[in-house]
Protein backbone atom coordinates (compact mmCIF):
# COMPACT_ATOMS: atom_id res chain seq x y z
CA UNK A 1 98.11 106.65 107.25
CA UNK A 2 97.68 108.90 110.26
CA UNK A 3 99.31 112.33 110.63
CA UNK A 4 99.41 114.00 114.05
CA UNK A 5 100.52 117.61 114.46
CA UNK A 6 102.73 117.59 117.58
CA UNK A 7 103.46 121.25 117.21
CA UNK A 8 102.53 123.97 114.72
CA UNK A 9 104.41 127.08 116.07
CA UNK A 10 107.47 128.93 115.12
CA UNK A 11 110.85 129.03 116.86
CA UNK A 12 109.38 131.06 119.76
CA UNK A 13 106.25 129.07 120.08
CA UNK A 14 102.84 130.66 120.85
CA UNK A 15 102.28 132.28 123.24
CA UNK A 16 105.60 134.16 122.91
CA UNK A 17 107.31 134.87 126.29
CA UNK A 18 106.32 138.32 127.50
CA UNK A 19 103.88 138.99 124.68
CA UNK A 20 100.44 140.54 125.48
CA UNK A 21 98.89 140.34 121.99
CA UNK A 22 95.41 138.90 121.49
CA UNK A 23 96.82 135.62 120.13
CA UNK A 24 99.20 135.06 123.05
CA UNK A 25 96.44 135.79 125.49
CA UNK A 26 93.86 133.68 123.63
CA UNK A 27 91.83 131.02 125.47
CA UNK A 28 91.34 129.06 122.22
CA UNK A 29 93.63 126.04 122.57
CA UNK A 30 94.21 126.21 118.81
CA UNK A 31 96.21 129.37 119.38
CA UNK A 32 98.59 127.61 121.80
CA UNK A 33 101.44 126.31 119.56
CA UNK A 34 104.52 124.24 120.49
CA UNK A 35 107.46 124.20 118.05
CA UNK A 36 106.67 122.63 114.77
CA UNK A 37 106.83 118.85 114.63
CA UNK A 38 104.58 116.06 113.24
CA UNK A 39 104.13 112.28 113.58
CA UNK A 40 103.29 109.88 110.81
CA UNK A 41 102.01 106.32 111.45
CA UNK A 42 101.51 103.82 108.61
CA UNK A 43 102.19 100.15 107.91
CA UNK A 44 103.31 99.54 111.49
CA UNK A 45 105.96 102.36 111.29
CA UNK A 46 105.89 105.50 113.40
CA UNK A 47 107.98 108.46 112.28
CA UNK A 48 108.49 111.91 113.78
CA UNK A 49 109.49 114.89 111.69
CA UNK A 50 111.80 117.16 113.77
CA UNK A 51 112.56 117.11 117.51
CA UNK A 52 112.64 120.60 118.76
CA UNK A 53 112.82 122.01 122.30
CA UNK A 54 109.23 120.85 123.07
CA UNK A 55 109.90 117.25 121.96
CA UNK A 56 109.46 115.75 125.51
CA UNK A 57 106.13 117.57 126.07
CA UNK A 58 104.94 116.53 122.64
CA UNK A 59 105.64 112.85 123.12
CA UNK A 60 104.03 112.88 126.50
CA UNK A 61 100.88 114.67 125.25
CA UNK A 62 100.62 112.11 122.35
CA UNK A 63 101.37 109.18 124.58
CA UNK A 64 104.28 108.02 122.54
CA UNK A 65 106.81 105.48 123.79
CA UNK A 66 108.24 104.17 120.53
CA UNK A 67 109.56 105.96 117.44
CA UNK A 68 110.98 104.13 114.47
CA UNK A 69 112.79 107.13 113.07
CA UNK A 70 113.14 110.90 113.29
CA UNK A 71 113.35 112.82 110.00
CA UNK A 72 115.09 116.17 110.35
CA UNK A 73 114.29 118.99 108.01
CA UNK A 74 117.25 121.16 108.91
CA UNK A 75 119.68 122.03 111.68
CA UNK A 76 117.99 125.03 113.45
CA UNK A 77 117.46 124.57 117.17
CA UNK A 78 113.66 124.76 117.00
CA UNK A 79 113.94 121.50 114.97
CA UNK A 80 116.78 119.58 116.67
CA UNK A 81 116.93 121.04 120.20
CA UNK A 82 115.09 118.21 121.86
CA UNK A 83 117.12 115.26 120.58
CA UNK A 84 118.55 114.58 123.96
CA UNK A 85 115.07 113.53 125.04
CA UNK A 86 115.32 110.32 122.94
CA UNK A 87 117.11 108.93 126.09
CA UNK A 88 113.66 108.02 127.47
CA UNK A 89 112.82 106.07 124.33
CA UNK A 90 116.10 104.20 124.60
CA UNK A 91 115.19 102.78 127.99
CA UNK A 92 111.49 102.05 127.62
CA UNK A 93 112.24 98.30 127.38
CA UNK A 94 115.15 98.30 129.84
CA UNK A 95 117.43 96.32 130.21
CA UNK A 96 117.13 96.22 126.42
CA UNK A 97 118.43 99.54 125.05
CA UNK A 98 116.89 100.62 121.80
CA UNK A 99 118.80 103.34 119.78
CA UNK A 100 116.82 105.88 117.95
CA UNK A 101 117.51 106.26 114.17
CA UNK A 102 117.75 109.85 112.97
CA UNK A 103 117.78 110.83 109.29
CA UNK A 104 118.97 114.05 107.70
CA UNK A 105 121.38 115.67 105.34
CA UNK A 106 125.13 115.54 106.07
CA UNK A 107 125.04 119.23 107.07
CA UNK A 108 122.17 118.72 109.43
CA UNK A 109 123.73 115.64 111.02
CA UNK A 110 127.06 117.43 111.42
CA UNK A 111 125.23 119.91 113.63
CA UNK A 112 123.68 117.06 115.63
CA UNK A 113 127.10 115.54 116.17
CA UNK A 114 128.41 118.98 117.34
CA UNK A 115 125.55 119.86 119.64
CA UNK A 116 125.18 116.46 121.17
CA UNK A 117 128.84 115.42 120.98
CA UNK A 118 128.58 113.53 124.35
CA UNK A 119 126.28 111.05 122.62
CA UNK A 120 129.06 110.12 120.15
CA UNK A 121 132.04 110.09 122.53
CA UNK A 122 134.30 107.11 122.60
CA UNK A 123 133.95 106.93 126.42
CA UNK A 124 130.28 107.73 126.98
CA UNK A 125 128.89 108.36 130.44
CA UNK A 126 125.88 106.28 131.53
CA UNK A 127 122.51 107.49 130.26
CA UNK A 128 123.54 109.50 127.16
CA UNK A 129 121.11 109.28 124.30
CA UNK A 130 121.73 106.26 122.06
CA UNK A 131 121.44 107.56 118.50
CA UNK A 132 122.12 106.14 115.07
CA UNK A 133 122.61 108.77 112.38
CA UNK A 134 121.66 108.12 108.70
CA UNK A 135 122.77 110.59 106.02
CA UNK A 136 120.22 111.07 103.23
CA UNK A 137 120.75 112.23 99.69
CA UNK A 138 117.93 114.70 98.84
CA UNK A 139 117.88 113.30 95.30
CA UNK A 140 117.25 109.76 96.40
CA UNK A 141 114.27 108.03 98.12
CA UNK A 142 114.96 105.86 101.16
CA UNK A 143 112.96 103.38 103.19
CA UNK A 144 112.19 102.98 106.87
CA UNK A 145 110.45 99.65 107.35
CA UNK A 146 107.76 99.38 104.68
CA UNK A 147 107.62 103.15 104.03
CA UNK A 148 109.34 104.79 101.12
CA UNK A 149 110.32 108.39 101.82
CA UNK A 150 111.02 110.91 99.07
CA UNK A 151 113.07 113.97 100.17
CA UNK A 152 111.93 117.31 98.77
CA UNK A 153 114.70 119.91 98.52
CA UNK A 154 114.13 123.60 99.24
CA UNK A 155 115.81 126.67 100.76
CA UNK A 156 115.05 128.29 104.05
CA UNK A 157 117.09 131.26 102.84
CA UNK A 158 120.10 131.75 100.58
CA UNK A 159 122.32 130.38 103.36
CA UNK A 160 120.26 127.40 104.61
CA UNK A 161 118.94 124.35 102.79
CA UNK A 162 115.77 122.64 104.14
CA UNK A 163 114.32 119.19 103.33
CA UNK A 164 110.66 118.28 103.12
CA UNK A 165 109.37 114.71 102.90
CA UNK A 166 106.74 112.93 100.81
CA UNK A 167 105.33 109.60 102.07
CA UNK A 168 102.69 108.11 99.77
CA UNK A 169 100.24 110.85 98.97
CA UNK A 170 101.16 113.03 101.83
CA UNK A 171 103.94 115.70 101.70
CA UNK A 172 105.25 117.78 104.64
CA UNK A 173 107.22 120.99 104.05
CA UNK A 174 108.25 123.34 106.77
CA UNK A 175 110.61 126.43 106.85
CA UNK A 176 110.56 126.69 103.08
CA UNK A 177 111.14 130.06 101.43
CA UNK A 178 111.89 128.79 97.92
CA UNK A 179 111.51 125.57 96.01
CA UNK A 180 112.96 124.88 92.58
CA UNK A 181 110.61 124.03 89.77
CA UNK A 182 112.16 120.59 89.41
CA UNK A 183 111.19 119.66 92.91
CA UNK A 184 107.51 120.42 92.23
CA UNK A 185 107.29 117.19 90.26
CA UNK A 186 107.74 115.33 93.50
CA UNK A 187 104.53 116.94 94.79
CA UNK A 188 102.20 115.77 92.05
CA UNK A 189 99.05 113.76 92.96
CA UNK A 190 98.97 114.56 96.59
CA UNK A 191 95.90 113.99 98.85
CA UNK A 192 97.45 116.16 101.59
CA UNK A 193 100.07 118.87 101.53
CA UNK A 194 101.36 120.38 104.75
CA UNK A 195 103.34 123.60 104.21
CA UNK A 196 104.69 126.40 106.32
CA UNK A 197 103.04 129.85 106.39
CA UNK A 198 104.61 132.13 109.00
CA UNK A 199 102.19 135.08 108.72
CA UNK A 200 100.16 137.03 106.19
CA UNK A 201 102.91 139.65 105.81
CA UNK A 202 106.05 138.71 103.78
CA UNK A 203 109.15 137.36 105.58
CA UNK A 204 112.78 136.94 104.47
CA UNK A 205 113.16 133.24 105.19
CA UNK A 206 109.70 131.71 105.45
CA UNK A 207 106.66 131.42 103.16
CA UNK A 208 103.96 133.92 103.90
CA UNK A 209 100.37 132.83 103.58
CA UNK A 210 100.23 134.21 100.03
CA UNK A 211 103.45 132.29 99.04
CA UNK A 212 102.14 129.08 100.60
CA UNK A 213 98.80 129.49 98.71
CA UNK A 214 100.72 130.07 95.47
CA UNK A 215 102.50 126.76 95.97
CA UNK A 216 99.25 125.02 96.79
CA UNK A 217 97.71 126.34 93.58
CA UNK A 218 100.60 124.96 91.55
CA UNK A 219 100.62 121.58 93.22
CA UNK A 220 96.87 121.24 93.52
CA UNK A 221 96.59 118.75 96.49
CA UNK A 222 93.17 117.58 97.42
CA UNK A 223 93.61 119.21 100.87
CA UNK A 224 96.22 121.58 102.33
CA UNK A 225 97.17 122.49 105.90
CA UNK A 226 99.34 125.42 107.03
CA UNK A 227 101.85 125.02 109.85
CA UNK A 228 104.88 126.79 111.44
CA UNK A 229 102.52 129.66 112.35
CA UNK A 230 103.65 132.66 114.34
CA UNK A 231 101.42 134.75 116.65
CA UNK A 232 101.39 137.21 113.79
CA UNK A 233 99.10 134.92 111.84
CA UNK A 234 96.31 136.12 114.05
CA UNK A 235 93.72 134.29 115.98
CA UNK A 236 93.00 130.84 114.53
CA UNK A 237 89.24 131.41 114.26
CA UNK A 238 89.70 134.72 112.39
CA UNK A 239 92.66 133.76 110.24
CA UNK A 240 90.88 130.62 109.12
CA UNK A 241 88.15 132.66 107.50
CA UNK A 242 90.71 134.31 105.27
CA UNK A 243 91.74 131.12 103.65
CA UNK A 244 90.27 129.58 100.43
CA UNK A 245 88.28 126.34 100.45
CA UNK A 246 90.49 123.24 100.82
CA UNK A 247 93.11 125.08 102.88
CA UNK A 248 93.14 125.11 106.72
CA UNK A 249 95.30 126.18 109.58
CA UNK A 250 96.78 123.17 111.40
CA UNK A 251 96.82 123.18 115.23
CA UNK A 252 98.57 121.19 117.90
CA UNK A 253 96.96 117.78 118.44
CA UNK A 254 95.09 117.74 115.12
CA UNK A 255 95.01 114.19 113.67
CA UNK A 256 94.37 113.48 109.99
CA UNK A 257 93.59 110.06 108.60
CA UNK A 258 94.29 109.35 104.96
CA UNK A 259 93.34 106.34 102.87
CA UNK A 260 96.96 105.41 102.20
């Protein structure tokens, strides 16, 4: 199984427009972060988790021309804003048109239908994205090709639910602020846990680094990577030295190979 970090930044990305902090002016490419997204490849299946506003740039950078499914974590624009760009994937094999399958909760898909209503119109104009929506139940595993996917339920805040995903011994959680004890059972026996950590200071709707580390200590994966990092995390090189062994900051373009 191969995991590629397409983006590891927050809703504003890094650098932030107009910001003159040391991180936003850094020459270290690890400090340049597109909106959070990841790609998983295993058993001939290629999945992308979230399609935010940088989706087009991310697929070009990773040289991707085929996606077997997009897993959505929630409905915020930094996670669904680039869905229109699946149009290019639809027409790679033109004149054959290949719809893109998108998976998410009913609430998330309702937002997709609203924001991209032209893709679902009865009388579509030529060139709209061809999308097939699949509602998931966060209590029930589902399959895409040969891959079984286990949803992991959490909360972004009291108002917003968020869904993580476990595939084999890899789990990917972003935009979590809380997770119920019962969901932790789904994270047992992981080789790799990816979890959001916005910054070292607390935040109302995202794990801080300390909160992410607390989850890591409870779950005890063999390796953990932090994503959804704001410029307030600090410079990659300096912030990395503040982390315990076995925990690292992810960065755009990082590729991880696992045995599964």
